[in-house]
N, C-alpha and C. Protein backbone atom coordinates (compact mmCIF):
# COMPACT_ATOMS: atom_id res chain seq x y z
N MET A 1 0.04 -30.18 15.92
CA MET A 1 -1.47 -30.93 16.30
C MET A 1 -2.01 -32.06 16.63
N GLU A 2 -1.94 -32.64 15.34
CA GLU A 2 -2.94 -33.44 15.12
C GLU A 2 -2.40 -35.05 16.34
N SER A 3 -1.32 -34.79 16.59
CA SER A 3 -0.88 -35.94 17.46
C SER A 3 -0.95 -35.66 18.70
N ARG A 4 -1.30 -34.11 19.21
CA ARG A 4 -0.97 -34.25 20.95
C ARG A 4 -2.73 -34.75 21.57
N PRO A 5 -3.68 -34.39 20.39
CA PRO A 5 -5.46 -35.37 21.33
C PRO A 5 -5.42 -36.76 21.65
N SER A 6 -4.49 -37.47 20.25
CA SER A 6 -4.38 -38.67 20.31
C SER A 6 -3.51 -39.43 21.30
N GLY A 7 -2.34 -38.53 21.91
CA GLY A 7 -1.63 -38.83 22.53
C GLY A 7 -1.80 -38.09 24.11
N ALA A 8 -2.64 -37.52 24.36
CA ALA A 8 -3.15 -37.26 25.71
C ALA A 8 -4.23 -38.23 26.60
N ARG A 9 -4.70 -38.60 24.83
CA ARG A 9 -6.06 -39.00 25.47
C ARG A 9 -5.93 -40.58 26.09
N ARG A 10 -4.68 -41.44 25.72
CA ARG A 10 -4.55 -42.20 26.42
C ARG A 10 -3.55 -42.03 27.59
N SER A 11 -2.76 -40.91 27.78
CA SER A 11 -2.36 -40.81 29.23
C SER A 11 -4.21 -40.06 30.70
N TRP A 12 -4.47 -39.11 29.76
CA TRP A 12 -5.41 -38.48 30.32
C TRP A 12 -7.09 -40.08 30.55
N ARG A 13 -6.86 -41.09 30.36
CA ARG A 13 -8.02 -42.22 29.82
C ARG A 13 -8.74 -42.38 31.32
N ASP A 14 -7.54 -43.21 32.03
CA ASP A 14 -7.47 -43.95 33.56
C ASP A 14 -8.21 -42.66 34.50
N ARG A 15 -8.35 -41.23 34.06
CA ARG A 15 -8.50 -40.12 34.61
C ARG A 15 -10.11 -40.10 34.18
N GLY A 16 -11.08 -40.65 32.90
CA GLY A 16 -12.39 -40.68 33.04
C GLY A 16 -12.39 -39.25 31.71
N LEU A 17 -11.44 -38.55 31.55
CA LEU A 17 -11.30 -37.51 30.80
C LEU A 17 -11.08 -37.89 28.77
N SER A 18 -11.74 -36.80 28.63
CA SER A 18 -12.06 -37.16 27.03
C SER A 18 -10.92 -36.05 26.64
N VAL A 19 -10.26 -35.93 25.62
CA VAL A 19 -9.19 -35.06 25.17
C VAL A 19 -9.76 -34.53 23.34
N TYR A 20 -9.91 -33.84 22.85
CA TYR A 20 -9.95 -33.62 21.40
C TYR A 20 -9.14 -32.15 21.35
N ALA A 21 -9.91 -31.65 20.09
CA ALA A 21 -8.80 -30.49 19.69
C ALA A 21 -10.16 -29.90 18.28
N ALA A 22 -10.26 -28.61 18.10
CA ALA A 22 -10.90 -27.93 18.23
C ALA A 22 -10.38 -27.26 16.31
N THR A 23 -10.43 -27.14 15.73
CA THR A 23 -9.47 -26.23 14.51
C THR A 23 -10.17 -25.78 13.22
N LYS A 24 -10.06 -24.91 13.43
CA LYS A 24 -10.84 -23.88 11.91
C LYS A 24 -9.67 -23.00 11.35
N ALA A 25 -8.36 -22.87 11.56
CA ALA A 25 -7.60 -21.71 10.71
C ALA A 25 -6.70 -22.70 10.00
N ALA A 26 -6.08 -23.94 10.46
CA ALA A 26 -4.91 -24.35 9.85
C ALA A 26 -4.84 -24.48 8.94
N LEU A 27 -5.59 -24.08 7.54
CA LEU A 27 -5.15 -24.85 6.41
C LEU A 27 -6.03 -23.39 5.59
N GLY A 28 -5.95 -22.39 6.60
CA GLY A 28 -6.36 -20.63 5.70
C GLY A 28 -8.11 -20.25 6.01
N SER A 29 -8.42 -21.07 6.83
CA SER A 29 -10.61 -21.45 6.80
C SER A 29 -10.15 -19.82 7.69
N LEU A 30 -11.51 -18.86 7.38
CA LEU A 30 -11.54 -17.61 8.41
C LEU A 30 -12.79 -17.50 8.68
N THR A 31 -12.80 -16.86 10.06
CA THR A 31 -14.16 -16.70 10.60
C THR A 31 -14.63 -15.28 10.41
N ARG A 32 -15.57 -14.66 10.46
CA ARG A 32 -15.92 -13.24 9.64
C ARG A 32 -16.27 -12.66 11.07
N THR A 33 -15.29 -12.06 11.16
CA THR A 33 -14.87 -11.11 12.33
C THR A 33 -14.22 -9.60 11.97
N ASP A 34 -14.20 -8.54 12.91
CA ASP A 34 -14.45 -7.24 12.52
C ASP A 34 -12.59 -6.55 12.16
N MET A 35 -11.96 -7.87 12.79
CA MET A 35 -10.48 -7.70 12.60
C MET A 35 -10.15 -8.67 11.19
N VAL A 36 -11.25 -9.85 10.84
CA VAL A 36 -10.52 -10.56 9.32
C VAL A 36 -10.63 -9.14 8.57
N LEU A 37 -12.18 -9.03 8.26
CA LEU A 37 -12.51 -7.54 7.78
C LEU A 37 -11.22 -6.85 7.49
N GLY A 38 -11.13 -6.40 8.27
CA GLY A 38 -10.42 -5.03 8.57
C GLY A 38 -9.08 -5.34 8.25
N ALA A 39 -8.14 -6.57 8.11
CA ALA A 39 -7.53 -7.01 7.78
C ALA A 39 -7.00 -7.42 6.39
N MET A 40 -8.30 -7.60 5.64
CA MET A 40 -8.35 -8.53 4.47
C MET A 40 -9.66 -7.98 3.46
N GLY A 41 -10.32 -7.35 3.90
CA GLY A 41 -10.75 -6.50 2.99
C GLY A 41 -12.35 -7.24 2.84
N GLU A 42 -13.52 -7.77 2.42
CA GLU A 42 -14.08 -7.97 1.92
C GLU A 42 -13.72 -9.23 0.82
N ALA A 43 -13.36 -8.07 -0.03
CA ALA A 43 -12.93 -9.05 -1.48
C ALA A 43 -12.16 -10.36 -0.95
N GLY A 44 -10.96 -9.66 0.10
CA GLY A 44 -10.20 -10.67 0.73
C GLY A 44 -10.36 -11.83 1.14
N ALA A 45 -11.48 -11.37 1.94
CA ALA A 45 -11.85 -12.64 3.08
C ALA A 45 -12.76 -13.39 2.12
N GLN A 46 -13.27 -12.95 1.04
CA GLN A 46 -14.59 -13.81 0.00
C GLN A 46 -13.63 -14.57 -0.61
N LYS A 47 -12.39 -14.34 -0.86
CA LYS A 47 -11.42 -15.25 -1.89
C LYS A 47 -10.69 -16.68 -1.04
N VAL A 48 -10.75 -16.21 -0.05
CA VAL A 48 -10.50 -17.64 0.79
C VAL A 48 -11.78 -18.07 1.20
N ALA A 49 -12.53 -17.76 1.47
CA ALA A 49 -13.95 -18.08 1.44
C ALA A 49 -14.25 -19.23 0.11
N ASP A 50 -14.30 -18.09 -0.53
CA ASP A 50 -14.06 -18.94 -2.07
C ASP A 50 -13.37 -20.70 -1.77
N THR A 51 -12.72 -20.96 -1.20
CA THR A 51 -11.31 -22.14 -1.53
C THR A 51 -12.13 -23.38 -0.55
N THR A 52 -13.34 -22.93 0.02
CA THR A 52 -13.91 -23.92 1.13
C THR A 52 -15.29 -24.36 0.34
N LEU A 53 -15.96 -25.37 0.86
CA LEU A 53 -16.91 -26.29 0.25
C LEU A 53 -18.38 -25.12 0.73
N LEU A 54 -18.15 -24.75 1.89
CA LEU A 54 -19.01 -23.99 1.65
C LEU A 54 -19.58 -22.25 1.19
N GLY A 55 -18.02 -21.88 0.99
CA GLY A 55 -17.74 -20.60 0.15
C GLY A 55 -18.48 -19.41 0.43
N ARG A 56 -18.12 -19.57 2.53
CA ARG A 56 -18.53 -18.55 3.20
C ARG A 56 -17.58 -18.19 4.22
N PRO A 57 -17.37 -17.23 4.73
CA PRO A 57 -16.29 -17.72 6.29
C PRO A 57 -17.15 -18.04 7.04
N ALA A 58 -16.59 -18.33 7.91
CA ALA A 58 -17.72 -18.94 9.41
C ALA A 58 -18.24 -17.84 10.41
N THR A 59 -19.34 -17.91 11.50
CA THR A 59 -19.41 -16.82 11.83
C THR A 59 -18.92 -17.12 12.83
N PRO A 60 -18.93 -16.46 13.92
CA PRO A 60 -18.11 -16.64 15.10
C PRO A 60 -18.94 -17.38 16.43
N ARG A 61 -20.36 -17.42 16.26
CA ARG A 61 -21.26 -18.69 16.83
C ARG A 61 -21.26 -19.71 16.24
N GLU A 62 -20.93 -19.65 14.88
CA GLU A 62 -20.65 -20.96 14.12
C GLU A 62 -19.66 -22.04 14.56
N ILE A 63 -18.15 -21.55 15.15
CA ILE A 63 -17.17 -21.93 15.58
C ILE A 63 -17.61 -21.88 17.23
N ALA A 64 -18.34 -21.48 17.93
CA ALA A 64 -18.42 -21.26 19.03
C ALA A 64 -19.44 -22.61 19.22
N GLU A 65 -20.57 -22.96 18.75
CA GLU A 65 -21.53 -23.99 18.58
C GLU A 65 -20.56 -24.83 18.55
N VAL A 66 -19.24 -25.17 17.76
CA VAL A 66 -18.64 -26.41 17.58
C VAL A 66 -17.69 -26.56 19.11
N ILE A 67 -17.36 -25.83 19.31
CA ILE A 67 -16.78 -25.88 21.02
C ILE A 67 -17.93 -26.11 22.13
N HIS A 68 -18.62 -25.47 21.89
CA HIS A 68 -19.46 -25.80 23.34
C HIS A 68 -19.94 -27.48 23.14
N PHE A 69 -20.34 -28.16 21.49
CA PHE A 69 -20.58 -28.92 22.12
C PHE A 69 -19.58 -29.97 22.41
N LEU A 70 -18.53 -30.08 21.91
CA LEU A 70 -17.18 -30.59 22.80
C LEU A 70 -17.25 -30.74 24.44
N ALA A 71 -17.63 -29.41 24.84
CA ALA A 71 -17.95 -29.35 26.67
C ALA A 71 -19.27 -29.92 27.30
N THR A 72 -19.87 -30.76 26.12
CA THR A 72 -21.01 -30.95 26.83
C THR A 72 -20.96 -32.27 26.76
N ASP A 73 -22.30 -32.96 27.88
CA ASP A 73 -22.35 -34.64 27.40
C ASP A 73 -22.59 -34.86 26.68
N ARG A 74 -23.16 -34.41 25.47
CA ARG A 74 -23.41 -35.41 23.99
C ARG A 74 -21.74 -35.35 23.22
N ALA A 75 -20.71 -35.20 23.66
CA ALA A 75 -19.75 -35.57 23.52
C ALA A 75 -19.19 -36.46 23.79
N ALA A 76 -19.49 -36.89 24.84
CA ALA A 76 -19.08 -38.13 25.74
C ALA A 76 -17.67 -39.30 24.95
N TYR A 77 -19.00 -39.41 23.93
CA TYR A 77 -17.69 -40.41 23.49
C TYR A 77 -16.75 -39.75 22.28
N VAL A 78 -16.42 -38.74 22.37
CA VAL A 78 -15.40 -38.30 21.67
C VAL A 78 -14.04 -38.32 22.13
N THR A 79 -13.15 -38.85 22.21
CA THR A 79 -11.97 -38.41 22.00
C THR A 79 -11.15 -38.59 21.33
N GLY A 80 -9.78 -38.46 21.63
CA GLY A 80 -8.63 -38.44 20.72
C GLY A 80 -9.11 -38.02 19.65
N ALA A 81 -9.49 -37.07 18.95
CA ALA A 81 -10.09 -36.59 18.04
C ALA A 81 -9.85 -34.82 17.18
N THR A 82 -9.79 -34.44 16.90
CA THR A 82 -9.30 -33.08 15.80
C THR A 82 -10.23 -32.98 15.50
N ILE A 83 -11.18 -31.96 15.45
CA ILE A 83 -12.44 -31.19 15.10
C ILE A 83 -12.27 -30.32 14.00
N ALA A 84 -12.48 -30.32 12.88
CA ALA A 84 -12.37 -29.39 11.76
C ALA A 84 -13.20 -28.60 11.39
N ALA A 85 -13.13 -26.87 11.99
CA ALA A 85 -14.90 -26.30 11.75
C ALA A 85 -14.50 -25.37 10.74
N ASP A 86 -13.66 -25.97 9.59
CA ASP A 86 -13.51 -25.47 8.12
C ASP A 86 -14.18 -24.56 6.67
N ALA A 87 -15.73 -25.27 6.90
CA ALA A 87 -16.30 -25.21 5.96
C ALA A 87 -16.06 -26.47 4.47
N GLY A 88 -15.35 -27.58 5.04
CA GLY A 88 -14.69 -28.36 3.94
C GLY A 88 -13.58 -28.50 3.67
N ARG A 89 -12.80 -27.42 3.85
CA ARG A 89 -11.13 -26.96 3.29
C ARG A 89 -10.30 -27.83 3.61
N THR A 90 -10.87 -28.77 5.01
CA THR A 90 -9.80 -29.83 4.88
C THR A 90 -10.22 -30.83 3.99
N ALA A 91 -11.28 -31.08 3.41
CA ALA A 91 -12.12 -32.10 2.55
C ALA A 91 -11.78 -31.96 1.23
N VAL A 92 -10.92 -30.70 0.79
CA VAL A 92 -10.82 -30.19 -0.63
C VAL A 92 -10.11 -30.42 -0.96
């Protein structure tokens, strides 16, 4: 997935479009939802969350805020990037 935003950036640049990707689950981060808690249980979710710098699962709103930012004019200068909303897991 990493190569898609940068490759698409070159092909869509002339059309005035920005291309980016947001990822949260590539390395095992998780969002605190009923489905996740049902599958992993509270202890399982916390075990995965403990592997992140923030030490907790994301809320659905936190992930939505990243996507919302990328869809606004405030992200106008962002292109060809993958934004990792993963509580710092890719930094560990």
